Amino acid sequence: MDLVAVDSANGGASRSDSVVARRGPLPSAEHPVGDSVPPRYRAISERQLARIPQLACLPRDHRFAIQVVSRVLPFRTNRYVVDELIDWSRVPDDPVYQMTFPQPGMLDERDFARVADLVRRDAPKEEIAPVVTAIREGLNPHPAGQRELNIPKDAHDTALEGIQHKYRETVLFFPSRGQTCHAYCTFCFRWAQFVGKDMKIYAKQASGLHRHLAEHPDVTDLLLTGGDPMVMKAPNLARYVDPVLAAPELAHVQNIRIGTKSLTFWPHRFVHDDDADELLRLFERIVASGRHLAIMAHFNHWRELGTQVVQQAIRRVRDTGAVIRTQAPVLRHINDDPAVWERMWRDQVRLGVVPYYLFVERDTGARRYFEVPLERTRQIYSAAIARVSGLARTVRGPSMSADPGKVEIIGVQEVRGERVFVLRFLQGRNPDWVGVPFFAAFDPKATWLDQLQPAFGENRFFFEDEFDAIRRRKAVGSKP
């Protein structure tokens, strides 16, 4: 098989210098200045690969591999990514291409061969589905206890689907209409959201969220996540947010975060989409309520910041009073070079966004293709951070979002004659763990927390007994 064959009038903020009045024309590859037709988003899925003529430059076996891997791991892109972000003269080594198109090495050789045989035979869906399902289940689809440990329960011991509450101060909410993206990252740690209803975490209604927030006055931060909430139309997003702004009993929720990759994959969302102005009015309304609005943007390479439309989108978002914070993992084939991070952080500061987190690639999905040893990740962070000014040193990391919490690699030192990783929690299931240093025996090949052993002959890390107790309570159905 060849692939080539709610409105601001309802209590919203109103300012004479509102960002919505400062739109202006914008040139782009598809729509130069003077073109009155704004760009429209259209997804390109695995079934529509033939709509990408640039793929014809690739060898046939590579094109076939895209088909094979995309049967297991989700694929979606759009013309903005294909035409304006990818340098096709550098494919397959181009970082944005690696970030968005499936690669042969993303599956185990045996699994790849099984699916490749099915694709070559044009096997029926009924034969392919169980094979694909088994492979997906072996890729740790819900890492860090997302299903087993993070979903809270109500007073009737019923799970609050679509909500995660791992850390005391922060609640995550997965609105059902926001559980897709303008394009999919090949390294996505929430890839399971996109491959079938049975694997998704989402909520159709927000009533459970509002009750849960009201019952937990320690919660200061609400994070809308996915998928990508920015795929929703502004009125749908407002239906989740406005009740939080209006309810006196939710006044303790002072920070609204929105996790999004749209500034990379579809910056027209904030500039040219038909509800772009309405979306920015919602942002203004959140800020006018006295809350902090943080757009948690995912940028993995400085190339993503280079187009005129993304820079205009950043300006428009910032003009609402929102703060854009950026985060990304270190990824082999994409950004495992301190020079990439140095330039990206410099560009981000210049554009007025705040470098926030450098992550270790999570233990899920295509990790075998992207993961970098912890020691190398630490070296990349240290070299990059040393080359930028203090304005860019707001970024924290390298951080592993592991089962017990966010664990930062502070460095590698020799202590008591032993070479060790120096670690600490940036967030923990028990807040008392935060900031406590601990030590792991140095392992140059380790890529994740569960591959590390305690240093100095200790049997367990200091938090493990308590974390085991937390898991036991969850296993018997105790309320959080």
Protein backbone atom coordinates (compact mmCIF):
# COMPACT_ATOMS: atom_id res chain seq x y z
CA MET A 1 0.00 0.00 0.00
CA ASP A 2 1.57 3.29 -1.11
CA LEU A 3 0.43 6.43 0.70
CA VAL A 4 1.28 8.54 -2.36
CA ALA A 5 -1.52 6.75 -4.23
CA VAL A 6 -20.07 33.37 26.95
CA ASP A 7 -19.77 37.02 25.73
CA SER A 8 -18.12 40.05 27.43
CA ALA A 9 -21.50 41.79 27.52
CA ASN A 10 -22.46 39.39 30.30
CA GLY A 11 -20.31 40.87 33.00
CA GLY A 12 -17.05 40.67 31.07
CA ALA A 13 -14.21 43.13 31.16
CA SER A 14 -14.41 46.07 28.78
CA ARG A 15 -11.42 48.24 27.93
CA SER A 16 -11.12 50.86 25.25
CA ASP A 17 -7.65 49.51 24.42
CA SER A 18 -8.81 45.89 24.39
CA VAL A 19 -6.54 43.54 22.50
CA VAL A 20 -9.40 42.64 20.18
CA ALA A 21 -9.14 46.09 18.61
CA ARG A 22 -5.51 45.51 17.63
CA ARG A 23 -5.73 42.68 15.17
CA GLY A 24 -4.15 43.91 11.95
CA PRO A 25 -3.29 42.05 8.76
CA LEU A 26 -0.68 39.33 8.82
CA PRO A 27 1.26 37.81 5.92
CA SER A 28 1.66 34.04 5.75
CA ALA A 29 2.62 31.41 3.22
CA GLU A 30 -1.00 30.64 2.44
CA HIS A 31 -2.51 34.10 2.83
CA PRO A 32 -0.31 37.08 1.93
CA VAL A 33 -1.17 40.64 2.84
CA GLY A 34 -4.27 41.75 0.97
CA ASP A 35 -5.88 38.32 0.97
CA SER A 36 -9.25 38.79 2.65
CA VAL A 37 -9.79 35.08 3.30
CA PRO A 38 -8.43 34.05 6.72
CA PRO A 39 -6.68 30.67 7.03
CA ARG A 40 -8.99 27.88 8.17
CA TYR A 41 -7.94 24.94 10.25
CA ARG A 42 -8.28 21.51 8.64
CA ALA A 43 -6.82 18.43 10.26
CA ILE A 44 -4.79 15.89 8.29
CA SER A 45 -5.03 12.40 9.77
CA GLU A 46 -3.41 9.07 8.98
CA ARG A 47 -6.11 8.37 6.41
CA GLN A 48 -5.27 11.60 4.57
CA LEU A 49 -1.50 11.30 4.25
CA ALA A 50 -1.82 11.54 0.48
CA ARG A 51 -2.85 15.19 1.00
CA ILE A 52 0.79 15.95 1.91
CA PRO A 53 2.68 16.15 -1.39
CA GLN A 54 5.99 16.83 0.38
CA LEU A 55 6.08 13.22 1.57
CA ALA A 56 6.79 12.11 -1.98
CA CYS A 57 10.44 13.10 -1.46
CA LEU A 58 10.87 10.33 1.13
CA PRO A 59 11.93 6.77 0.36
CA ARG A 60 9.07 4.31 -0.04
CA ASP A 61 10.07 2.30 3.06
CA HIS A 62 9.98 5.43 5.21
CA ARG A 63 6.55 6.37 3.91
CA PHE A 64 5.37 2.86 4.64
CA ALA A 65 6.75 3.14 8.19
CA ILE A 66 4.60 6.23 8.75
CA GLN A 67 1.55 4.16 7.91
CA VAL A 68 2.61 1.34 10.21
CA VAL A 69 3.45 3.42 13.29
CA SER A 70 0.38 5.64 12.89
CA ARG A 71 -1.81 2.54 13.28
CA VAL A 72 -0.55 2.32 16.87
CA LEU A 73 0.40 5.86 17.91
CA PRO A 74 -1.89 8.75 16.97
CA PHE A 75 -1.11 11.03 14.04
CA ARG A 76 -2.60 14.40 13.17
CA THR A 77 -1.17 17.49 11.54
CA ASN A 78 -2.30 20.48 9.46
CA ARG A 79 -1.11 22.69 6.61
CA TYR A 80 0.47 25.31 8.91
CA VAL A 81 2.79 22.70 10.42
CA VAL A 82 3.53 21.07 7.08
CA ASP A 83 4.06 24.26 5.05
CA GLU A 84 5.52 26.74 7.54
CA LEU A 85 7.30 24.82 10.31
CA ILE A 86 8.94 21.83 8.63
CA ASP A 87 12.06 22.33 6.52
CA TRP A 88 11.51 19.56 3.98
CA SER A 89 15.07 19.87 2.69
CA ARG A 90 16.20 18.48 6.06
CA VAL A 91 13.63 15.69 6.39
CA PRO A 92 13.77 13.20 8.05
CA ASP A 93 16.18 14.98 10.41
CA ASP A 94 14.14 18.20 10.68
CA PRO A 95 13.15 18.62 14.36
CA VAL A 96 9.52 19.63 13.70
CA TYR A 97 9.13 16.70 11.32
CA GLN A 98 10.46 14.39 14.04
CA MET A 99 8.07 16.05 16.47
CA THR A 100 4.96 15.44 14.37
CA PHE A 101 5.48 12.51 11.96
CA PRO A 102 5.77 8.86 13.09
CA GLN A 103 9.26 7.37 12.72
CA PRO A 104 10.28 3.72 12.20
CA GLY A 105 12.09 3.45 15.55
CA MET A 106 9.09 4.49 17.65
CA LEU A 107 7.90 0.88 17.95
CA ASP A 108 9.77 -2.18 19.12
CA GLU A 109 11.09 -4.11 16.10
CA ARG A 110 8.85 -7.09 16.81
CA ASP A 111 5.75 -4.95 17.23
CA PHE A 112 6.58 -3.00 14.08
CA ALA A 113 6.93 -6.23 12.11
CA ARG A 114 3.56 -7.53 13.35
CA VAL A 115 1.71 -4.38 12.29
CA ALA A 116 3.66 -4.06 9.04
CA ASP A 117 2.57 -7.53 8.02
CA LEU A 118 -1.08 -6.66 8.69
CA VAL A 119 -0.81 -3.43 6.69
CA ARG A 120 0.88 -5.14 3.74
CA ARG A 121 -1.88 -7.74 3.65
CA ASP A 122 -4.52 -5.02 3.93
CA ALA A 123 -5.92 -7.04 6.83
CA PRO A 124 -9.45 -6.24 8.00
CA LYS A 125 -9.98 -3.96 10.99
CA GLU A 126 -11.17 -6.91 13.09
CA GLU A 127 -7.77 -8.57 12.69
CA ILE A 128 -5.68 -5.43 13.23
CA ALA A 129 -7.54 -4.05 16.28
CA PRO A 130 -6.56 -6.68 18.91
CA VAL A 131 -2.91 -6.56 17.85
CA VAL A 132 -2.81 -2.78 18.07
CA THR A 133 -4.63 -2.79 21.41
CA ALA A 134 -2.12 -5.23 22.92
CA ILE A 135 0.81 -3.13 21.73
CA ARG A 136 -0.73 0.06 23.14
CA GLU A 137 -1.36 -1.55 26.51
CA GLY A 138 2.35 -2.39 26.68
CA LEU A 139 3.35 1.25 26.17
CA ASN A 140 2.27 2.41 29.65
CA PRO A 141 -0.64 4.51 28.34
CA HIS A 142 -1.42 6.23 31.66
CA PRO A 143 1.91 6.94 33.41
CA ALA A 144 2.42 8.31 36.92
CA GLY A 145 -0.80 6.86 38.31
CA GLN A 146 -3.09 9.03 36.20
CA ARG A 147 -5.95 6.55 36.47
CA GLU A 148 -5.11 4.58 39.59
CA LEU A 149 -3.96 7.37 41.90
CA ASN A 150 -4.93 10.79 40.55
CA ILE A 151 -8.70 10.62 40.00
CA PRO A 152 -10.52 11.79 43.16
CA LYS A 153 -13.84 10.53 44.51
CA ASP A 154 -16.91 12.32 45.77
CA ALA A 155 -18.73 11.88 49.07
CA HIS A 156 -20.43 8.76 47.68
CA ASP A 157 -17.10 7.15 46.79
CA THR A 158 -17.76 7.68 43.08
CA ALA A 159 -14.80 8.53 40.85
CA LEU A 160 -14.90 12.05 39.43
CA GLU A 161 -14.01 11.25 35.85
CA GLY A 162 -12.24 14.00 33.97
CA ILE A 163 -10.57 15.37 37.11
CA GLN A 164 -7.11 14.69 38.48
CA HIS A 165 -5.95 15.88 41.89
CA LYS A 166 -2.38 14.74 42.46
CA TYR A 167 -0.97 17.73 44.33
CA ARG A 168 -2.75 19.59 47.14
CA GLU A 169 -2.88 23.01 45.47
CA THR A 170 -3.62 22.01 41.87
CA VAL A 171 -6.59 20.35 40.19
CA LEU A 172 -6.50 19.23 36.55
CA PHE A 173 -9.68 19.23 34.48
CA PHE A 174 -10.14 17.44 31.14
CA PRO A 175 -13.16 18.98 29.33
CA SER A 176 -14.62 16.49 26.86
CA ARG A 177 -14.56 18.92 23.93
CA GLY A 178 -10.88 19.65 24.45
CA GLN A 179 -9.54 16.12 24.12
CA THR A 180 -7.82 16.49 20.78
CA CYS A 181 -5.11 18.84 19.43
CA HIS A 182 -4.45 20.86 16.30
CA ALA A 183 -1.59 18.38 15.69
CA TYR A 184 -0.19 15.52 17.72
CA CYS A 185 3.32 15.33 19.14
CA THR A 186 4.99 11.99 18.46
CA PHE A 187 6.37 11.99 22.03
CA CYS A 188 3.08 12.96 23.73
CA PHE A 189 2.69 11.53 27.21
CA ARG A 190 -1.10 11.74 26.86
CA TRP A 191 -1.23 9.94 23.52
CA ALA A 192 -3.85 7.55 24.96
CA GLN A 193 -6.37 10.43 24.91
CA PHE A 194 -6.40 10.17 21.12
CA VAL A 195 -6.61 6.45 20.35
CA GLY A 196 -9.96 5.29 21.70
CA LYS A 197 -12.77 6.15 24.06
CA ASP A 198 -11.83 3.44 26.55
CA MET A 199 -8.44 5.06 27.19
CA LYS A 200 -9.62 8.66 27.48
CA ILE A 201 -9.86 10.76 30.62
CA TYR A 202 -12.55 13.41 30.19
CA ALA A 203 -15.65 15.02 31.71
CA LYS A 204 -18.78 16.04 29.82
CA GLN A 205 -20.02 18.30 32.64
CA ALA A 206 -18.24 20.70 34.98
CA SER A 207 -20.62 20.32 37.94
CA GLY A 208 -18.40 17.69 39.58
CA LEU A 209 -15.38 19.95 39.13
CA HIS A 210 -17.08 22.91 40.78
CA ARG A 211 -18.23 20.79 43.73
CA HIS A 212 -14.76 19.31 44.15
CA LEU A 213 -13.14 22.74 44.10
CA ALA A 214 -15.63 24.08 46.65
CA GLU A 215 -14.87 21.14 48.97
CA HIS A 216 -11.08 21.73 48.78
CA PRO A 217 -10.20 25.27 49.92
CA ASP A 218 -6.48 24.44 49.71
CA VAL A 219 -6.74 24.36 45.91
CA THR A 220 -5.35 27.56 44.42
CA ASP A 221 -4.75 26.42 40.84
CA LEU A 222 -7.13 25.03 38.21
CA LEU A 223 -5.40 23.60 35.14
CA LEU A 224 -7.53 23.02 32.03
CA THR A 225 -5.78 20.37 30.01
CA GLY A 226 -6.24 17.64 27.44
CA GLY A 227 -5.66 17.17 24.61
CA ASP A 228 -5.76 20.90 24.15
CA PRO A 229 -8.52 23.16 25.51
CA MET A 230 -7.74 25.65 22.73
CA VAL A 231 -9.46 23.41 20.18
CA MET A 232 -12.74 24.41 21.83
CA LYS A 233 -14.77 27.35 20.63
CA ALA A 234 -14.62 30.31 23.00
CA PRO A 235 -18.25 29.94 24.26
CA ASN A 236 -17.59 26.30 25.20
CA LEU A 237 -14.44 27.19 27.09
CA ALA A 238 -16.27 30.04 28.83
CA ARG A 239 -18.93 27.63 30.09
CA TYR A 240 -16.26 25.90 32.15
CA VAL A 241 -14.45 29.03 33.31
CA ASP A 242 -17.14 31.65 33.96
CA PRO A 243 -18.83 29.74 36.83
CA VAL A 244 -15.47 29.59 38.61
CA LEU A 245 -15.06 33.35 38.26
CA ALA A 246 -18.61 34.04 39.47
CA ALA A 247 -18.87 31.68 42.47
CA PRO A 248 -17.91 33.22 45.85
CA GLU A 249 -17.24 29.76 47.25
CA LEU A 250 -14.48 29.32 44.64
CA ALA A 251 -12.63 32.53 45.47
CA HIS A 252 -9.69 30.43 46.72
CA VAL A 253 -9.03 29.34 43.11
CA GLN A 254 -6.76 32.23 42.23
CA ASN A 255 -4.81 30.83 39.31
CA ILE A 256 -6.30 29.57 36.05
CA ARG A 257 -3.91 27.63 33.85
CA ILE A 258 -4.55 26.47 30.29
CA GLY A 259 -2.23 23.81 28.89
CA THR A 260 -1.83 24.22 25.14
CA LYS A 261 0.35 23.49 22.12
CA SER A 262 -1.77 25.75 19.89
CA LEU A 263 0.82 28.54 19.78
CA THR A 264 2.99 26.10 17.84
CA PHE A 265 0.48 24.02 15.91
CA TRP A 266 -2.18 26.65 15.12
CA PRO A 267 -1.29 30.19 16.29
CA HIS A 268 -4.10 31.44 14.01
CA ARG A 269 -6.31 30.37 16.94
CA PHE A 270 -5.47 33.70 18.59
CA VAL A 271 -5.34 35.84 15.44
CA HIS A 272 -7.50 34.67 12.54
CA ASP A 273 -10.03 32.13 13.85
CA ASP A 274 -13.56 33.46 13.73
CA ASP A 275 -13.81 33.46 17.54
CA ALA A 276 -10.24 34.62 18.24
CA ASP A 277 -11.40 37.98 19.58
CA GLU A 278 -14.04 36.33 21.76
CA LEU A 279 -11.39 33.99 23.17
CA LEU A 280 -9.17 36.95 24.07
CA ARG A 281 -12.11 38.68 25.73
CA LEU A 282 -12.46 35.60 27.93
CA PHE A 283 -8.78 35.90 28.84
CA GLU A 284 -9.33 39.57 29.71
CA ARG A 285 -12.33 38.61 31.82
CA ILE A 286 -10.28 36.10 33.82
CA VAL A 287 -7.59 38.70 34.48
CA ALA A 288 -10.18 41.36 35.36
CA SER A 289 -11.60 39.01 38.01
CA GLY A 290 -8.34 39.43 39.92
CA ARG A 291 -6.99 36.01 39.01
CA HIS A 292 -3.72 35.05 37.40
CA LEU A 293 -4.13 33.51 33.94
CA ALA A 294 -1.22 31.32 32.88
CA ILE A 295 -1.03 29.93 29.36
CA MET A 296 1.11 26.83 29.78
CA ALA A 297 2.65 26.69 26.31
CA HIS A 298 4.63 23.73 25.00
CA PHE A 299 7.60 24.77 22.88
CA ASN A 300 10.22 22.15 22.06
CA HIS A 301 12.48 23.97 19.61
CA TRP A 302 13.28 27.57 18.71
CA ARG A 303 11.98 26.94 15.19
CA GLU A 304 8.44 26.97 16.57
CA LEU A 305 8.85 30.63 17.56
CA GLY A 306 10.01 31.91 14.19
CA THR A 307 6.87 32.66 12.19
CA GLN A 308 5.17 36.04 12.12
CA VAL A 309 1.82 34.59 13.09
CA VAL A 310 3.11 32.93 16.29
CA GLN A 311 4.78 36.17 17.32
CA GLN A 312 1.57 38.10 16.72
CA ALA A 313 -0.39 35.46 18.63
CA ILE A 314 2.01 35.82 21.57
CA ARG A 315 1.58 39.60 21.56
CA ARG A 316 -2.20 39.35 21.48
CA VAL A 317 -2.32 36.84 24.34
CA ARG A 318 0.07 38.89 26.46
CA ASP A 319 -1.96 42.04 25.81
CA THR A 320 -4.90 40.45 27.65
CA GLY A 321 -2.85 40.35 30.86
CA ALA A 322 -2.21 36.62 30.61
CA VAL A 323 1.29 35.27 31.28
CA ILE A 324 2.70 32.67 28.88
CA ARG A 325 4.92 30.08 30.56
CA THR A 326 6.79 27.50 28.51
CA GLN A 327 7.76 23.90 29.15
CA ALA A 328 9.17 20.95 27.22
CA PRO A 329 11.04 17.67 27.65
CA VAL A 330 14.55 16.94 26.41
CA LEU A 331 14.08 14.71 23.36
CA ARG A 332 16.53 12.74 21.30
CA HIS A 333 16.26 13.66 17.58
CA ILE A 334 14.65 17.03 18.44
CA ASN A 335 16.40 19.13 21.10
CA ASP A 336 19.10 17.08 22.87
CA ASP A 337 21.59 19.91 22.36
CA PRO A 338 22.19 22.77 24.82
CA ALA A 339 22.46 25.24 21.93
CA VAL A 340 18.84 24.54 21.00
CA TRP A 341 17.65 25.29 24.54
CA GLU A 342 19.85 28.36 24.85
CA ARG A 343 18.44 29.91 21.69
CA MET A 344 14.87 28.87 22.55
CA TRP A 345 15.03 30.43 26.02
CA ARG A 346 16.60 33.61 24.66
CA ASP A 347 13.88 33.91 22.02
CA GLN A 348 11.17 33.25 24.57
CA VAL A 349 12.41 35.99 26.89
CA ARG A 350 12.69 38.39 23.94
CA LEU A 351 9.07 37.66 23.04
CA GLY A 352 7.94 38.20 26.63
CA VAL A 353 7.22 34.62 27.66
CA VAL A 354 8.58 32.89 30.75
CA PRO A 355 10.71 29.70 30.56
CA TYR A 356 9.16 27.46 33.22
CA TYR A 357 10.07 23.73 33.07
CA LEU A 358 12.59 21.45 31.40
CA PHE A 359 11.29 17.91 31.70
CA VAL A 360 12.68 14.42 31.36
CA GLU A 361 10.82 12.52 28.63
CA ARG A 362 8.10 10.45 30.30
CA ASP A 363 8.02 6.66 30.49
CA THR A 364 5.22 6.13 27.99
CA GLY A 365 4.46 5.78 24.29
CA ALA A 366 7.49 6.22 22.03
CA ARG A 367 9.88 6.84 24.92
CA ARG A 368 12.36 4.28 23.51
CA TYR A 369 12.91 6.57 20.54
CA PHE A 370 13.11 9.88 22.42
CA GLU A 371 14.52 9.19 25.89
CA VAL A 372 17.87 10.62 26.95
CA PRO A 373 19.87 9.36 29.97
CA LEU A 374 19.34 11.45 33.09
CA GLU A 375 23.01 12.40 33.24
CA ARG A 376 22.97 13.69 29.65
CA THR A 377 19.71 15.56 30.28
CA ARG A 378 21.29 17.21 33.31
CA GLN A 379 24.34 18.20 31.25
CA ILE A 380 22.14 19.75 28.56
CA TYR A 381 20.23 21.78 31.15
CA SER A 382 23.38 22.91 32.97
CA ALA A 383 25.18 23.96 29.79
CA ALA A 384 22.17 25.85 28.43
CA ILE A 385 21.28 27.63 31.68
CA ALA A 386 24.88 28.79 32.08
CA ARG A 387 24.71 30.62 28.72
CA VAL A 388 21.61 32.74 29.35
CA SER A 389 20.90 35.70 31.59
CA GLY A 390 18.97 35.57 34.83
CA LEU A 391 15.74 36.41 33.00
CA ALA A 392 15.81 32.97 31.39
CA ARG A 393 16.92 31.14 34.53
CA THR A 394 13.33 30.92 35.69
CA VAL A 395 13.23 27.48 34.08
CA ARG A 396 13.31 24.55 36.53
CA GLY A 397 14.62 21.10 35.86
CA PRO A 398 15.45 18.60 34.74
CA SER A 399 12.20 17.38 36.27
CA MET A 400 10.66 13.91 36.19
CA SER A 401 6.87 13.86 36.57
CA ALA A 402 6.94 10.46 38.25
CA ASP A 403 4.43 8.50 40.35
CA PRO A 404 5.32 10.11 43.72
CA GLY A 405 5.72 13.64 42.33
CA LYS A 406 7.90 16.00 40.31
CA VAL A 407 11.51 15.07 41.06
CA GLU A 408 14.26 17.51 40.10
CA ILE A 409 17.80 16.40 39.29
CA ILE A 410 19.88 18.98 41.13
CA GLY A 411 23.19 17.55 39.99
CA VAL A 412 25.79 14.80 40.28
CA GLN A 413 28.21 14.93 43.21
CA GLU A 414 30.65 12.74 45.10
CA VAL A 415 29.39 12.24 48.65
CA ARG A 416 31.06 9.92 51.17
CA GLY A 417 33.24 8.61 48.36
CA GLU A 418 30.25 7.63 46.23
CA ARG A 419 29.10 9.28 43.01
CA VAL A 420 25.41 10.12 43.38
CA PHE A 421 22.50 11.93 41.81
CA VAL A 422 21.30 14.74 44.09
CA LEU A 423 17.50 14.93 43.84
CA ARG A 424 14.58 16.77 45.41
CA PHE A 425 10.82 17.06 45.01
CA LEU A 426 9.40 20.14 43.31
CA GLN A 427 5.93 18.69 43.92
CA GLY A 428 4.89 15.66 45.92
CA ARG A 429 1.84 13.62 46.77
CA ASN A 430 2.72 14.63 50.32
CA PRO A 431 3.59 18.35 50.33
CA ASP A 432 6.04 17.70 53.16
CA TRP A 433 8.32 15.96 50.67
CA VAL A 434 8.82 19.17 48.65
CA GLY A 435 12.35 20.55 48.84
CA VAL A 436 13.79 17.60 50.78
CA PRO A 437 17.09 16.52 49.15
CA PHE A 438 17.78 12.81 48.66
CA PHE A 439 20.41 10.76 46.91
CA ALA A 440 20.45 8.01 44.30
CA ALA A 441 23.39 5.90 43.21
CA PHE A 442 24.79 7.27 39.96
CA ASP A 443 23.74 5.27 36.91
CA PRO A 444 24.88 6.65 33.53
CA LYS A 445 22.23 4.62 31.67
CA ALA A 446 19.19 5.46 33.82
CA THR A 447 16.42 7.41 32.09
CA TRP A 448 13.72 7.48 34.80
CA LEU A 449 13.24 7.52 38.56
CA ASP A 450 12.24 3.85 38.80
CA GLN A 451 15.64 2.86 37.37
CA LEU A 452 17.51 4.53 40.24
CA GLN A 453 18.58 2.90 43.49
CA PRO A 454 19.12 4.65 46.84
CA ALA A 455 22.70 5.68 47.54
CA PHE A 456 24.91 4.73 50.50
CA GLY A 457 23.55 1.18 50.76
CA GLU A 458 20.07 2.30 51.81
CA ASN A 459 17.21 -0.04 50.95
CA ARG A 460 14.59 2.59 50.15
CA PHE A 461 14.20 6.28 49.37
CA PHE A 462 12.80 8.34 52.26
CA PHE A 463 9.33 8.70 50.70
CA GLU A 464 8.71 5.11 49.58
CA ASP A 465 7.01 3.72 52.70
CA GLU A 466 4.51 6.57 52.75
CA PHE A 467 3.95 6.35 49.01
CA ASP A 468 3.25 2.62 49.33
CA ALA A 469 0.64 3.44 51.97
CA ILE A 470 -0.96 5.99 49.62
CA ARG A 471 -1.18 3.35 46.89
CA ARG A 472 -2.72 0.81 49.27
CA ARG A 473 -5.39 3.29 50.33
CA LYS A 474 -6.24 3.98 46.71
CA ALA A 475 -6.33 0.28 45.90
CA VAL A 476 -9.03 -0.42 48.50
CA GLY A 477 -11.12 2.53 47.33
CA SER A 478 -10.48 5.02 50.09
CA LYS A 479 -11.42 8.63 49.39
CA PRO A 480 -8.51 11.00 48.72
